[in-house]
Amino acid sequence: MTRRNSGFSLVETLVALVLFSLALSGLLGWQRSLMLGLREQHQMLLRWREAERLLEVQAPASTVPGVIRGETIKEGCVSIWVMISGATGGNTRLSRLHCPGFNTGSALNSPSPLRGEG
């Protein structure tokens, strides 16, 4: 009588199972790092939007963590600054100077000896 061997041996099955588990764990690690990166990117987008909103003169207090607003007043002008803190430890500072009494139109429309009028 002849015996036919069909199927896979135990060693082949175990090697295939180890290779499959290594590939699956690699894919899951890659997916995890991708999700963490997307979450950090979304948080930074929220911080930048909050910073843009806080640069307005009459902005309310910030509700987003990692965003700090400050202002100084000197000679009728308000200097507004916003500090954004990233998760990796980096900081970015945005600033805006607001002078309510400054009118650009009057200075441009007045006759000036520099422009050859007079």
N, C-alpha and C. Protein backbone atom coordinates (compact mmCIF):
# COMPACT_ATOMS: atom_id res chain seq x y z
N MET A 1 0.82 -1.16 0.00
CA MET A 1 0.00 0.00 0.00
C MET A 1 0.88 1.24 0.00
N THR A 2 0.49 2.21 -0.81
CA THR A 2 1.21 3.47 -0.85
C THR A 2 0.45 4.52 -0.07
N ARG A 3 1.21 5.31 0.63
CA ARG A 3 0.58 6.38 1.45
C ARG A 3 0.82 7.71 0.76
N ARG A 4 -0.22 8.47 0.60
CA ARG A 4 -0.13 9.80 -0.02
C ARG A 4 -0.05 10.86 1.06
N ASN A 5 0.92 11.73 0.92
CA ASN A 5 1.04 12.86 1.84
C ASN A 5 0.39 14.06 1.19
N SER A 6 -0.62 14.58 1.81
CA SER A 6 -1.25 15.79 1.31
C SER A 6 -1.30 16.81 2.45
N GLY A 7 -1.27 18.10 2.10
CA GLY A 7 -1.30 19.14 3.11
C GLY A 7 0.10 19.60 3.49
N PHE A 8 0.17 20.33 4.62
CA PHE A 8 1.43 20.90 5.06
C PHE A 8 1.88 20.21 6.33
N SER A 9 3.16 20.21 6.53
CA SER A 9 3.70 19.62 7.76
C SER A 9 3.56 20.62 8.91
N LEU A 10 3.77 20.15 10.10
CA LEU A 10 3.66 21.01 11.28
C LEU A 10 4.70 22.12 11.25
N VAL A 11 5.90 21.84 10.84
CA VAL A 11 6.97 22.83 10.79
C VAL A 11 6.62 23.93 9.78
N GLU A 12 6.12 23.56 8.61
CA GLU A 12 5.74 24.56 7.60
C GLU A 12 4.61 25.45 8.11
N THR A 13 3.67 24.88 8.79
CA THR A 13 2.55 25.65 9.33
C THR A 13 3.02 26.63 10.40
N LEU A 14 3.92 26.19 11.26
CA LEU A 14 4.44 27.08 12.31
C LEU A 14 5.28 28.21 11.73
N VAL A 15 6.09 27.95 10.72
CA VAL A 15 6.88 28.99 10.08
C VAL A 15 5.96 30.01 9.41
N ALA A 16 4.93 29.54 8.74
CA ALA A 16 3.96 30.45 8.10
C ALA A 16 3.25 31.29 9.15
N LEU A 17 2.90 30.70 10.28
CA LEU A 17 2.23 31.43 11.35
C LEU A 17 3.14 32.50 11.96
N VAL A 18 4.41 32.20 12.14
CA VAL A 18 5.36 33.18 12.67
C VAL A 18 5.54 34.33 11.69
N LEU A 19 5.69 34.03 10.41
CA LEU A 19 5.84 35.08 9.40
C LEU A 19 4.59 35.96 9.33
N PHE A 20 3.42 35.34 9.41
CA PHE A 20 2.18 36.11 9.37
C PHE A 20 2.07 37.03 10.59
N SER A 21 2.44 36.50 11.79
CA SER A 21 2.33 37.33 12.99
C SER A 21 3.34 38.49 12.96
N LEU A 22 4.54 38.27 12.42
CA LEU A 22 5.50 39.35 12.29
C LEU A 22 5.01 40.44 11.33
N ALA A 23 4.45 40.03 10.21
CA ALA A 23 3.93 40.99 9.25
C ALA A 23 2.75 41.77 9.84
N LEU A 24 1.88 41.09 10.56
CA LEU A 24 0.72 41.75 11.16
C LEU A 24 1.15 42.74 12.24
N SER A 25 2.12 42.36 13.08
CA SER A 25 2.57 43.29 14.12
C SER A 25 3.27 44.50 13.51
N GLY A 26 4.00 44.32 12.41
CA GLY A 26 4.61 45.45 11.72
C GLY A 26 3.57 46.41 11.17
N LEU A 27 2.53 45.86 10.56
CA LEU A 27 1.46 46.70 10.02
C LEU A 27 0.71 47.43 11.13
N LEU A 28 0.48 46.77 12.25
CA LEU A 28 -0.21 47.43 13.36
C LEU A 28 0.64 48.54 13.98
N GLY A 29 1.95 48.35 14.07
CA GLY A 29 2.84 49.40 14.57
C GLY A 29 2.87 50.59 13.63
N TRP A 30 2.88 50.34 12.34
CA TRP A 30 2.86 51.42 11.35
C TRP A 30 1.54 52.19 11.43
N GLN A 31 0.44 51.47 11.57
CA GLN A 31 -0.88 52.12 11.68
C GLN A 31 -0.95 52.96 12.95
N ARG A 32 -0.38 52.48 14.05
CA ARG A 32 -0.39 53.24 15.31
C ARG A 32 0.40 54.53 15.17
N SER A 33 1.59 54.45 14.58
CA SER A 33 2.39 55.67 14.42
C SER A 33 1.71 56.64 13.46
N LEU A 34 1.04 56.14 12.46
CA LEU A 34 0.30 57.00 11.54
C LEU A 34 -0.85 57.71 12.25
N MET A 35 -1.57 57.00 13.10
CA MET A 35 -2.67 57.62 13.85
C MET A 35 -2.17 58.66 14.84
N LEU A 36 -1.03 58.39 15.50
CA LEU A 36 -0.47 59.39 16.43
C LEU A 36 -0.04 60.65 15.68
N GLY A 37 0.55 60.48 14.51
CA GLY A 37 0.94 61.63 13.70
C GLY A 37 -0.25 62.44 13.24
N LEU A 38 -1.32 61.76 12.83
CA LEU A 38 -2.52 62.49 12.41
C LEU A 38 -3.17 63.22 13.58
N ARG A 39 -3.14 62.61 14.76
CA ARG A 39 -3.71 63.28 15.94
C ARG A 39 -2.92 64.55 16.28
N GLU A 40 -1.58 64.45 16.23
CA GLU A 40 -0.73 65.61 16.50
C GLU A 40 -0.95 66.71 15.47
N GLN A 41 -1.10 66.31 14.21
CA GLN A 41 -1.35 67.30 13.16
C GLN A 41 -2.69 68.00 13.38
N HIS A 42 -3.70 67.25 13.79
CA HIS A 42 -5.01 67.85 14.05
C HIS A 42 -4.95 68.81 15.25
N GLN A 43 -4.23 68.43 16.30
CA GLN A 43 -4.09 69.30 17.46
C GLN A 43 -3.36 70.59 17.10
N MET A 44 -2.33 70.50 16.27
CA MET A 44 -1.62 71.71 15.85
C MET A 44 -2.50 72.59 14.98
N LEU A 45 -3.33 71.99 14.14
CA LEU A 45 -4.27 72.77 13.33
C LEU A 45 -5.24 73.53 14.23
N LEU A 46 -5.74 72.88 15.28
CA LEU A 46 -6.63 73.57 16.23
C LEU A 46 -5.90 74.70 16.94
N ARG A 47 -4.63 74.50 17.30
CA ARG A 47 -3.85 75.55 17.97
C ARG A 47 -3.62 76.74 17.05
N TRP A 48 -3.31 76.49 15.78
CA TRP A 48 -3.10 77.60 14.83
C TRP A 48 -4.39 78.38 14.62
N ARG A 49 -5.53 77.69 14.53
CA ARG A 49 -6.81 78.39 14.38
C ARG A 49 -7.12 79.24 15.60
N GLU A 50 -6.84 78.68 16.79
CA GLU A 50 -7.07 79.43 18.03
C GLU A 50 -6.13 80.63 18.09
N ALA A 51 -4.90 80.48 17.66
CA ALA A 51 -3.95 81.60 17.68
C ALA A 51 -4.42 82.70 16.74
N GLU A 52 -4.93 82.32 15.57
CA GLU A 52 -5.44 83.33 14.63
C GLU A 52 -6.61 84.09 15.24
N ARG A 53 -7.48 83.37 15.95
CA ARG A 53 -8.62 84.01 16.60
C ARG A 53 -8.17 84.92 17.74
N LEU A 54 -7.14 84.51 18.47
CA LEU A 54 -6.66 85.29 19.61
C LEU A 54 -5.90 86.54 19.20
N LEU A 55 -5.48 86.64 17.96
CA LEU A 55 -4.77 87.85 17.51
C LEU A 55 -5.72 89.02 17.28
N GLU A 56 -7.02 88.78 17.37
CA GLU A 56 -7.98 89.88 17.28
C GLU A 56 -7.89 90.74 18.55
N VAL A 57 -8.27 91.99 18.43
CA VAL A 57 -8.11 92.93 19.55
C VAL A 57 -9.02 92.56 20.72
N GLN A 58 -10.26 92.24 20.48
CA GLN A 58 -11.22 91.94 21.54
C GLN A 58 -11.47 90.44 21.67
N ALA A 59 -10.45 89.62 21.59
CA ALA A 59 -10.61 88.17 21.64
C ALA A 59 -10.85 87.70 23.08
N PRO A 60 -11.77 86.74 23.26
CA PRO A 60 -11.96 86.16 24.59
C PRO A 60 -10.80 85.24 24.95
N ALA A 61 -10.82 84.74 26.16
CA ALA A 61 -9.72 83.87 26.64
C ALA A 61 -9.67 82.57 25.84
N SER A 62 -8.49 81.99 25.78
CA SER A 62 -8.28 80.76 25.03
C SER A 62 -8.85 79.56 25.77
N THR A 63 -9.42 78.63 25.01
CA THR A 63 -9.93 77.38 25.58
C THR A 63 -9.10 76.19 25.10
N VAL A 64 -8.12 76.44 24.26
CA VAL A 64 -7.29 75.36 23.71
C VAL A 64 -5.99 75.27 24.50
N PRO A 65 -5.64 74.08 25.01
CA PRO A 65 -4.37 73.96 25.73
C PRO A 65 -3.19 74.13 24.79
N GLY A 66 -2.15 74.74 25.28
CA GLY A 66 -0.95 74.95 24.47
C GLY A 66 -0.93 76.28 23.75
N VAL A 67 -1.93 77.15 23.99
CA VAL A 67 -1.99 78.47 23.34
C VAL A 67 -2.10 79.53 24.43
N ILE A 68 -1.17 80.47 24.44
CA ILE A 68 -1.14 81.53 25.46
C ILE A 68 -1.18 82.87 24.74
N ARG A 69 -1.97 83.82 25.27
CA ARG A 69 -2.12 85.15 24.67
C ARG A 69 -1.63 86.20 25.66
N GLY A 70 -0.99 87.22 25.15
CA GLY A 70 -0.57 88.34 25.97
C GLY A 70 -0.61 89.62 25.16
N GLU A 71 -0.61 90.74 25.85
CA GLU A 71 -0.61 92.03 25.14
C GLU A 71 0.06 93.09 26.00
N THR A 72 0.65 94.05 25.30
CA THR A 72 1.24 95.21 25.96
C THR A 72 0.74 96.45 25.25
N ILE A 73 0.58 97.52 26.00
CA ILE A 73 0.10 98.79 25.46
C ILE A 73 1.19 99.83 25.62
N LYS A 74 1.54 100.47 24.50
CA LYS A 74 2.58 101.49 24.54
C LYS A 74 2.24 102.56 23.51
N GLU A 75 2.16 103.80 23.95
CA GLU A 75 1.91 104.95 23.09
C GLU A 75 0.64 104.80 22.24
N GLY A 76 -0.41 104.28 22.84
CA GLY A 76 -1.69 104.15 22.15
C GLY A 76 -1.82 102.94 21.25
N CYS A 77 -0.78 102.15 21.12
CA CYS A 77 -0.82 100.95 20.30
C CYS A 77 -0.85 99.71 21.20
N VAL A 78 -1.53 98.69 20.72
CA VAL A 78 -1.63 97.43 21.44
C VAL A 78 -0.81 96.39 20.68
N SER A 79 0.17 95.83 21.34
CA SER A 79 0.94 94.74 20.77
C SER A 79 0.38 93.44 21.33
N ILE A 80 -0.18 92.61 20.46
CA ILE A 80 -0.79 91.35 20.86
C ILE A 80 0.13 90.21 20.41
N TRP A 81 0.40 89.28 21.31
CA TRP A 81 1.21 88.12 20.94
C TRP A 81 0.52 86.84 21.39
N VAL A 82 0.75 85.79 20.61
CA VAL A 82 0.20 84.48 20.92
C VAL A 82 1.33 83.47 20.83
N MET A 83 1.48 82.64 21.87
CA MET A 83 2.50 81.60 21.90
C MET A 83 1.81 80.25 21.73
N ILE A 84 2.30 79.47 20.74
CA ILE A 84 1.77 78.13 20.48
C ILE A 84 2.84 77.12 20.89
N SER A 85 2.47 76.17 21.74
CA SER A 85 3.40 75.13 22.18
C SER A 85 3.06 73.84 21.47
N GLY A 86 4.05 73.22 20.88
CA GLY A 86 3.86 71.94 20.20
C GLY A 86 4.11 70.78 21.15
N ALA A 87 3.67 69.59 20.76
CA ALA A 87 3.84 68.40 21.59
C ALA A 87 5.29 67.97 21.65
N THR A 88 6.09 68.31 20.64
CA THR A 88 7.49 67.91 20.61
C THR A 88 8.38 68.90 21.35
N GLY A 89 7.81 69.95 21.95
CA GLY A 89 8.58 70.89 22.74
C GLY A 89 8.88 72.20 22.02
N GLY A 90 8.56 72.31 20.75
CA GLY A 90 8.82 73.54 20.02
C GLY A 90 7.76 74.59 20.31
N ASN A 91 8.16 75.85 20.30
CA ASN A 91 7.25 76.97 20.52
C ASN A 91 7.29 77.91 19.34
N THR A 92 6.15 78.48 19.01
CA THR A 92 6.04 79.48 17.94
C THR A 92 5.33 80.69 18.51
N ARG A 93 5.84 81.87 18.19
CA ARG A 93 5.23 83.10 18.68
C ARG A 93 4.77 83.94 17.51
N LEU A 94 3.50 84.33 17.53
CA LEU A 94 2.91 85.21 16.54
C LEU A 94 2.60 86.54 17.22
N SER A 95 2.77 87.64 16.50
CA SER A 95 2.45 88.93 17.10
C SER A 95 1.76 89.82 16.09
N ARG A 96 1.03 90.78 16.63
CA ARG A 96 0.30 91.75 15.82
C ARG A 96 0.33 93.08 16.54
N LEU A 97 0.53 94.16 15.79
CA LEU A 97 0.52 95.50 16.35
C LEU A 97 -0.74 96.20 15.88
N HIS A 98 -1.55 96.67 16.83
CA HIS A 98 -2.81 97.34 16.51
C HIS A 98 -2.76 98.76 17.07
N CYS A 99 -2.81 99.75 16.17
CA CYS A 99 -2.81 101.16 16.56
C CYS A 99 -4.13 101.77 16.08
N PRO A 100 -5.11 101.95 16.97
CA PRO A 100 -6.43 102.43 16.56
C PRO A 100 -6.43 103.85 16.03
N GLY A 101 -5.52 104.71 16.45
CA GLY A 101 -5.51 106.10 15.99
C GLY A 101 -4.76 106.32 14.69
N PHE A 102 -4.14 105.29 14.18
CA PHE A 102 -3.33 105.43 12.97
C PHE A 102 -4.22 105.29 11.74
N ASN A 103 -4.22 106.32 10.87
CA ASN A 103 -5.04 106.31 9.66
C ASN A 103 -4.10 106.37 8.46
N THR A 104 -4.07 105.31 7.68
CA THR A 104 -3.15 105.26 6.55
C THR A 104 -3.59 106.14 5.40
N GLY A 105 -4.87 106.39 5.27
CA GLY A 105 -5.35 107.17 4.13
C GLY A 105 -4.94 108.63 4.18
N SER A 106 -4.91 109.24 5.36
CA SER A 106 -4.59 110.66 5.45
C SER A 106 -3.13 110.92 5.10
N ALA A 107 -2.25 110.04 5.46
CA ALA A 107 -0.83 110.24 5.15
C ALA A 107 -0.56 110.07 3.66
N LEU A 108 -1.30 109.21 3.00
CA LEU A 108 -1.08 108.99 1.58
C LEU A 108 -1.68 110.08 0.71
N ASN A 109 -2.74 110.73 1.20
CA ASN A 109 -3.43 111.73 0.38
C ASN A 109 -2.89 113.14 0.58
N SER A 110 -2.06 113.36 1.58
CA SER A 110 -1.56 114.70 1.82
C SER A 110 -0.41 115.00 0.87
N PRO A 111 -0.29 116.29 0.45
CA PRO A 111 0.81 116.66 -0.44
C PRO A 111 2.14 116.47 0.27
N SER A 112 3.11 115.97 -0.46
CA SER A 112 4.42 115.71 0.11
C SER A 112 5.49 116.26 -0.82
N PRO A 113 6.49 116.94 -0.28
CA PRO A 113 7.57 117.43 -1.14
C PRO A 113 8.40 116.28 -1.71
N LEU A 114 8.34 115.11 -1.08
CA LEU A 114 9.09 113.96 -1.59
C LEU A 114 8.50 113.43 -2.90
N ARG A 115 7.19 113.62 -3.08
CA ARG A 115 6.57 113.12 -4.30
C ARG A 115 6.58 114.19 -5.40
N GLY A 116 7.14 115.31 -5.14
CA GLY A 116 7.21 116.37 -6.16
C GLY A 116 5.98 117.23 -6.25
N GLU A 117 5.12 117.19 -5.24
CA GLU A 117 3.93 118.03 -5.25
C GLU A 117 4.20 119.24 -4.35
N GLY A 118 3.49 120.30 -4.61
CA GLY A 118 3.68 121.42 -3.70
C GLY A 118 3.38 122.75 -4.26
